[in-house]
Amino acid sequence: MSVNSSKVVIADIPFFNNLGADDIMAISRHLQALSFAPEDMLFHQGDAPNGLFLITAGCVKTYVYAPGTAKKVVVRLAKPGDYIGEFGLLDGNPRSASAMAEVPTEALLLPSRAFEVVLNSRPTVAEGVYQRLLEMICAQTADEVLRKEADALAARREGVADLDVLKGLCAVLRKINIKKLQR
């Protein structure tokens, strides 16, 4: 995949679509093209995160194991244009789900370490991701406790968003996802 086509992929996904062309180019330089056969695992629940996957072709099933059982609960099917692994990209916590290719699949991997370099060198990327995480929290929960936790993180921020604030917002989103699975 060329740098120009990877720029289009990044610019089109909601996690990065509020970034400028220079920021998109900075991220695109770090992408790695990967191919997966049906039933290949992109990652397992509990794995250390290695980055964000942008699905460019095929389909990836993400699932968790129901607590105390071996039953798989499908969280979503990621198709071209979707992304998975955004929390681990930011907070470094173990994978909260497993991801498996359903059909032959192509993806772009944005490695965690490379993204951290981009975040630290380009404050506008951190700010864009910060805004997107807040939007995700607002769209996904009516839980007042979690909203207050997100608001407290937003208030704590001094100037440009930093990695610690982004990690805190990811923690709130992980709690939202856990609550959803418990329903």
C-alpha atoms as a PDB file:
ATOM      1  CA  MET A   1       0.000   0.000   0.000  1.00  0.00           C
ATOM      2  CA  SER A   2       1.411   3.388  -0.942  1.00  0.00           C
ATOM      3  CA  VAL A   3       1.871   6.273   1.480  1.00  0.00           C
ATOM      4  CA  ASN A   4      -0.853   8.210  -0.343  1.00  0.00           C
ATOM      5  CA  SER A   5      -3.416   5.409  -0.043  1.00  0.00           C
ATOM      6  CA  SER A   6      -2.541   4.872   3.630  1.00  0.00           C
ATOM      7  CA  LYS A   7      -3.120   8.612   4.207  1.00  0.00           C
ATOM      8  CA  VAL A   8      -6.613   8.194   2.803  1.00  0.00           C
ATOM      9  CA  VAL A   9      -7.280   5.231   5.105  1.00  0.00           C
ATOM     10  CA  ILE A  10      -6.143   7.141   8.193  1.00  0.00           C
ATOM     11  CA  ALA A  11      -7.976  10.333   7.263  1.00  0.00           C
ATOM     12  CA  ASP A  12     -11.224   8.377   6.861  1.00  0.00           C
ATOM     13  CA  ILE A  13     -11.342   6.669  10.245  1.00  0.00           C
ATOM     14  CA  PRO A  14     -13.107   8.485  13.068  1.00  0.00           C
ATOM     15  CA  PHE A  15     -10.210   8.074  15.502  1.00  0.00           C
ATOM     16  CA  PHE A  16      -8.019  10.324  13.318  1.00  0.00           C
ATOM     17  CA  ASN A  17     -10.406  12.179  11.007  1.00  0.00           C
ATOM     18  CA  ASN A  18     -10.032  15.500  12.806  1.00  0.00           C
ATOM     19  CA  LEU A  19      -6.280  15.663  12.125  1.00  0.00           C
ATOM     20  CA  GLY A  20      -4.590  17.825   9.518  1.00  0.00           C
ATOM     21  CA  ALA A  21      -2.692  16.570   6.476  1.00  0.00           C
ATOM     22  CA  ASP A  22       0.743  16.971   8.125  1.00  0.00           C
ATOM     23  CA  ASP A  23      -0.364  14.918  11.138  1.00  0.00           C
ATOM     24  CA  ILE A  24      -1.827  12.219   8.884  1.00  0.00           C
ATOM     25  CA  MET A  25       1.456  12.070   6.955  1.00  0.00           C
ATOM     26  CA  ALA A  26       3.445  11.761  10.208  1.00  0.00           C
ATOM     27  CA  ILE A  27       1.302   8.785  11.254  1.00  0.00           C
ATOM     28  CA  SER A  28       1.303   7.193   7.781  1.00  0.00           C
ATOM     29  CA  ARG A  29       5.096   6.938   7.771  1.00  0.00           C
ATOM     30  CA  HIS A  30       4.905   4.346  10.549  1.00  0.00           C
ATOM     31  CA  LEU A  31       2.245   2.014   9.108  1.00  0.00           C
ATOM     32  CA  GLN A  32       3.082  -1.622   8.381  1.00  0.00           C
ATOM     33  CA  ALA A  33       1.021  -3.618   5.858  1.00  0.00           C
ATOM     34  CA  LEU A  34      -0.048  -7.061   7.123  1.00  0.00           C
ATOM     35  CA  SER A  35      -1.993  -9.982   5.639  1.00  0.00           C
ATOM     36  CA  PHE A  36      -4.012 -12.593   7.536  1.00  0.00           C
ATOM     37  CA  ALA A  37      -5.525 -15.876   6.402  1.00  0.00           C
ATOM     38  CA  PRO A  38      -8.944 -16.976   7.688  1.00  0.00           C
ATOM     39  CA  GLU A  39      -8.751 -17.859  11.407  1.00  0.00           C
ATOM     40  CA  ASP A  40      -5.375 -16.140  11.856  1.00  0.00           C
ATOM     41  CA  MET A  41      -5.255 -14.300  15.166  1.00  0.00           C
ATOM     42  CA  LEU A  42      -4.353 -10.623  15.146  1.00  0.00           C
ATOM     43  CA  PHE A  43      -4.154 -10.762  18.935  1.00  0.00           C
ATOM     44  CA  HIS A  44      -5.532 -12.616  21.966  1.00  0.00           C
ATOM     45  CA  GLN A  45      -7.379 -11.267  24.987  1.00  0.00           C
ATOM     46  CA  GLY A  46      -4.736 -10.562  27.632  1.00  0.00           C
ATOM     47  CA  ASP A  47      -1.866 -10.028  25.151  1.00  0.00           C
ATOM     48  CA  ALA A  48       0.379  -7.022  25.523  1.00  0.00           C
ATOM     49  CA  PRO A  49      -0.718  -4.447  22.960  1.00  0.00           C
ATOM     50  CA  ASN A  50       1.424  -3.914  19.889  1.00  0.00           C
ATOM     51  CA  GLY A  51      -0.584  -1.189  18.152  1.00  0.00           C
ATOM     52  CA  LEU A  52      -3.709  -0.189  16.286  1.00  0.00           C
ATOM     53  CA  PHE A  53      -4.971  -2.207  13.326  1.00  0.00           C
ATOM     54  CA  LEU A  54      -6.686  -0.438  10.426  1.00  0.00           C
ATOM     55  CA  ILE A  55      -8.683  -2.987   8.440  1.00  0.00           C
ATOM     56  CA  THR A  56      -8.295  -2.347   4.705  1.00  0.00           C
ATOM     57  CA  ALA A  57      -9.795  -5.566   3.290  1.00  0.00           C
ATOM     58  CA  GLY A  58     -11.604  -8.579   4.721  1.00  0.00           C
ATOM     59  CA  CYS A  59     -13.263  -8.944   8.100  1.00  0.00           C
ATOM     60  CA  VAL A  60     -12.012  -9.334  11.672  1.00  0.00           C
ATOM     61  CA  LYS A  61     -14.118 -10.748  14.501  1.00  0.00           C
ATOM     62  CA  THR A  62     -13.380  -9.316  17.936  1.00  0.00           C
ATOM     63  CA  TYR A  63     -14.626 -11.303  20.903  1.00  0.00           C
ATOM     64  CA  VAL A  64     -14.244 -11.767  24.627  1.00  0.00           C
ATOM     65  CA  TYR A  65     -14.731 -14.807  26.792  1.00  0.00           C
ATOM     66  CA  ALA A  66     -17.754 -14.629  29.054  1.00  0.00           C
ATOM     67  CA  PRO A  67     -16.565 -14.390  32.677  1.00  0.00           C
ATOM     68  CA  GLY A  68     -15.999 -17.812  34.210  1.00  0.00           C
ATOM     69  CA  THR A  69     -16.690 -19.680  30.953  1.00  0.00           C
ATOM     70  CA  ALA A  70     -15.055 -20.591  27.676  1.00  0.00           C
ATOM     71  CA  LYS A  71     -17.996 -19.089  25.747  1.00  0.00           C
ATOM     72  CA  LYS A  72     -16.995 -16.520  23.113  1.00  0.00           C
ATOM     73  CA  VAL A  73     -19.056 -13.338  23.032  1.00  0.00           C
ATOM     74  CA  VAL A  74     -18.646 -11.474  19.732  1.00  0.00           C
ATOM     75  CA  VAL A  75     -18.081  -7.782  20.380  1.00  0.00           C
ATOM     76  CA  ARG A  76     -18.019  -6.671  16.756  1.00  0.00           C
ATOM     77  CA  LEU A  77     -17.072  -7.481  13.204  1.00  0.00           C
ATOM     78  CA  ALA A  78     -14.483  -5.023  11.901  1.00  0.00           C
ATOM     79  CA  LYS A  79     -14.669  -4.409   8.157  1.00  0.00           C
ATOM     80  CA  PRO A  80     -12.655  -2.236   5.768  1.00  0.00           C
ATOM     81  CA  GLY A  81     -12.398   1.268   7.192  1.00  0.00           C
ATOM     82  CA  ASP A  82     -12.743   0.044  10.791  1.00  0.00           C
ATOM     83  CA  TYR A  83      -9.979  -0.020  13.363  1.00  0.00           C
ATOM     84  CA  ILE A  84      -9.274  -2.155  16.414  1.00  0.00           C
ATOM     85  CA  GLY A  85      -6.810  -1.895  19.266  1.00  0.00           C
ATOM     86  CA  GLU A  86      -7.060   1.845  19.911  1.00  0.00           C
ATOM     87  CA  PHE A  87      -7.074   1.558  23.713  1.00  0.00           C
ATOM     88  CA  GLY A  88      -3.910  -0.509  23.874  1.00  0.00           C
ATOM     89  CA  LEU A  89      -2.292   1.959  21.495  1.00  0.00           C
ATOM     90  CA  LEU A  90      -2.696   4.634  24.138  1.00  0.00           C
ATOM     91  CA  ASP A  91      -2.792   3.031  27.565  1.00  0.00           C
ATOM     92  CA  GLY A  92      -0.512   0.011  27.176  1.00  0.00           C
ATOM     93  CA  ASN A  93      -2.911  -2.254  29.080  1.00  0.00           C
ATOM     94  CA  PRO A  94      -3.395  -5.871  27.966  1.00  0.00           C
ATOM     95  CA  ARG A  95      -5.815  -6.547  25.130  1.00  0.00           C
ATOM     96  CA  SER A  96      -9.405  -6.596  26.395  1.00  0.00           C
ATOM     97  CA  ALA A  97     -10.597  -8.803  23.522  1.00  0.00           C
ATOM     98  CA  SER A  98      -9.305 -11.268  20.959  1.00  0.00           C
ATOM     99  CA  ALA A  99      -9.279 -10.535  17.229  1.00  0.00           C
ATOM    100  CA  MET A 100      -9.398 -13.166  14.491  1.00  0.00           C
ATOM    101  CA  ALA A 101      -9.562 -12.840  10.698  1.00  0.00           C
ATOM    102  CA  GLU A 102     -12.840 -14.271   9.392  1.00  0.00           C
ATOM    103  CA  VAL A 103     -11.729 -14.236   5.735  1.00  0.00           C
ATOM    104  CA  PRO A 104      -8.500 -13.269   3.967  1.00  0.00           C
ATOM    105  CA  THR A 105      -7.789  -9.877   5.533  1.00  0.00           C
ATOM    106  CA  GLU A 106      -5.438  -6.972   4.937  1.00  0.00           C
ATOM    107  CA  ALA A 107      -4.607  -4.472   7.657  1.00  0.00           C
ATOM    108  CA  LEU A 108      -2.278  -1.632   8.440  1.00  0.00           C
ATOM    109  CA  LEU A 109      -0.579  -1.759  11.830  1.00  0.00           C
ATOM    110  CA  LEU A 110       0.344   1.448  13.605  1.00  0.00           C
ATOM    111  CA  PRO A 111       2.824   0.237  16.236  1.00  0.00           C
ATOM    112  CA  SER A 112       2.333   1.593  19.757  1.00  0.00           C
ATOM    113  CA  ARG A 113       5.903   2.842  20.119  1.00  0.00           C
ATOM    114  CA  ALA A 114       5.775   4.685  16.799  1.00  0.00           C
ATOM    115  CA  PHE A 115       2.492   6.326  17.755  1.00  0.00           C
ATOM    116  CA  GLU A 116       3.937   7.429  21.087  1.00  0.00           C
ATOM    117  CA  VAL A 117       6.780   9.125  19.197  1.00  0.00           C
ATOM    118  CA  VAL A 118       4.222  10.898  16.985  1.00  0.00           C
ATOM    119  CA  LEU A 119       2.165  11.960  20.035  1.00  0.00           C
ATOM    120  CA  ASN A 120       5.204  13.379  21.792  1.00  0.00           C
ATOM    121  CA  SER A 121       6.480  15.239  18.730  1.00  0.00           C
ATOM    122  CA  ARG A 122       3.138  16.498  17.382  1.00  0.00           C
ATOM    123  CA  PRO A 123       0.865  18.049  20.038  1.00  0.00           C
ATOM    124  CA  THR A 124      -1.906  18.464  17.461  1.00  0.00           C
ATOM    125  CA  VAL A 125      -2.180  14.668  17.169  1.00  0.00           C
ATOM    126  CA  ALA A 126      -2.542  14.321  20.950  1.00  0.00           C
ATOM    127  CA  GLU A 127      -5.187  17.060  20.938  1.00  0.00           C
ATOM    128  CA  GLY A 128      -7.113  15.421  18.085  1.00  0.00           C
ATOM    129  CA  VAL A 129      -7.088  12.018  19.798  1.00  0.00           C
ATOM    130  CA  TYR A 130      -8.125  13.666  23.075  1.00  0.00           C
ATOM    131  CA  GLN A 131     -11.154  15.266  21.405  1.00  0.00           C
ATOM    132  CA  ARG A 132     -12.118  11.968  19.773  1.00  0.00           C
ATOM    133  CA  LEU A 133     -11.907  10.062  23.079  1.00  0.00           C
ATOM    134  CA  LEU A 134     -14.161  12.620  24.759  1.00  0.00           C
ATOM    135  CA  GLU A 135     -16.673  12.266  21.901  1.00  0.00           C
ATOM    136  CA  MET A 136     -16.596   8.475  22.302  1.00  0.00           C
ATOM    137  CA  ILE A 137     -17.264   8.745  26.037  1.00  0.00           C
ATOM    138  CA  CYS A 138     -20.151  11.168  25.565  1.00  0.00           C
ATOM    139  CA  ALA A 139     -21.691   9.013  22.843  1.00  0.00           C
ATOM    140  CA  GLN A 140     -21.401   5.746  24.760  1.00  0.00           C
ATOM    141  CA  THR A 141     -22.529   6.445  28.293  1.00  0.00           C
ATOM    142  CA  ALA A 142     -25.214   8.118  30.300  1.00  0.00           C
ATOM    143  CA  ASP A 143     -23.509   6.896  33.487  1.00  0.00           C
ATOM    144  CA  GLU A 144     -22.962  10.026  35.584  1.00  0.00           C
ATOM    145  CA  VAL A 145     -20.051   8.562  37.546  1.00  0.00           C
ATOM    146  CA  LEU A 146     -18.088   7.779  34.392  1.00  0.00           C
ATOM    147  CA  ARG A 147     -18.937  11.131  32.815  1.00  0.00           C
ATOM    148  CA  LYS A 148     -17.705  12.906  35.960  1.00  0.00           C
ATOM    149  CA  GLU A 149     -14.497  10.869  35.821  1.00  0.00           C
ATOM    150  CA  ALA A 150     -13.988  11.975  32.196  1.00  0.00           C
ATOM    151  CA  ASP A 151     -14.811  15.582  33.105  1.00  0.00           C
ATOM    152  CA  ALA A 152     -12.256  15.476  35.938  1.00  0.00           C
ATOM    153  CA  LEU A 153      -9.599  14.264  33.509  1.00  0.00           C
ATOM    154  CA  ALA A 154     -10.512  17.028  31.079  1.00  0.00           C
ATOM    155  CA  ALA A 155     -10.299  19.632  33.847  1.00  0.00           C
ATOM    156  CA  ARG A 156      -6.925  18.311  35.019  1.00  0.00           C
ATOM    157  CA  ARG A 157      -5.436  18.838  31.602  1.00  0.00           C
ATOM    158  CA  GLU A 158      -3.131  21.831  31.383  1.00  0.00           C
ATOM    159  CA  GLY A 159      -2.824  23.120  27.818  1.00  0.00           C
ATOM    160  CA  VAL A 160      -2.216  20.371  25.278  1.00  0.00           C
ATOM    161  CA  ALA A 161      -3.379  16.839  26.004  1.00  0.00           C
ATOM    162  CA  ASP A 162      -0.632  14.503  27.148  1.00  0.00           C
ATOM    163  CA  LEU A 163      -0.320  10.744  27.199  1.00  0.00           C
ATOM    164  CA  ASP A 164      -1.403  10.491  30.849  1.00  0.00           C
ATOM    165  CA  VAL A 165      -4.706  12.241  30.126  1.00  0.00           C
ATOM    166  CA  LEU A 166      -5.259  10.020  27.057  1.00  0.00           C
ATOM    167  CA  LYS A 167      -4.576   6.930  29.189  1.00  0.00           C
ATOM    168  CA  GLY A 168      -7.133   8.129  31.737  1.00  0.00           C
ATOM    169  CA  LEU A 169      -9.779   8.580  29.046  1.00  0.00           C
ATOM    170  CA  CYS A 170      -9.025   5.103  27.722  1.00  0.00           C
ATOM    171  CA  ALA A 171      -9.579   3.738  31.239  1.00  0.00           C
ATOM    172  CA  VAL A 172     -13.026   5.373  31.301  1.00  0.00           C
ATOM    173  CA  LEU A 173     -13.879   3.841  27.905  1.00  0.00           C
ATOM    174  CA  ARG A 174     -12.716   0.410  29.086  1.00  0.00           C
ATOM    175  CA  LYS A 175     -15.084   0.716  32.081  1.00  0.00           C
ATOM    176  CA  ILE A 176     -17.941   1.636  29.731  1.00  0.00           C
ATOM    177  CA  ASN A 177     -17.232  -1.439  27.615  1.00  0.00           C
ATOM    178  CA  ILE A 178     -17.137  -3.691  30.667  1.00  0.00           C
ATOM    179  CA  LYS A 179     -20.506  -2.362  31.824  1.00  0.00           C
ATOM    180  CA  LYS A 180     -21.953  -3.023  28.361  1.00  0.00           C
ATOM    181  CA  LEU A 181     -20.774  -6.645  28.467  1.00  0.00           C
ATOM    182  CA  GLN A 182     -22.269  -7.147  31.931  1.00  0.00           C
ATOM    183  CA  ARG A 183     -25.775  -6.210  30.755  1.00  0.00           C
END
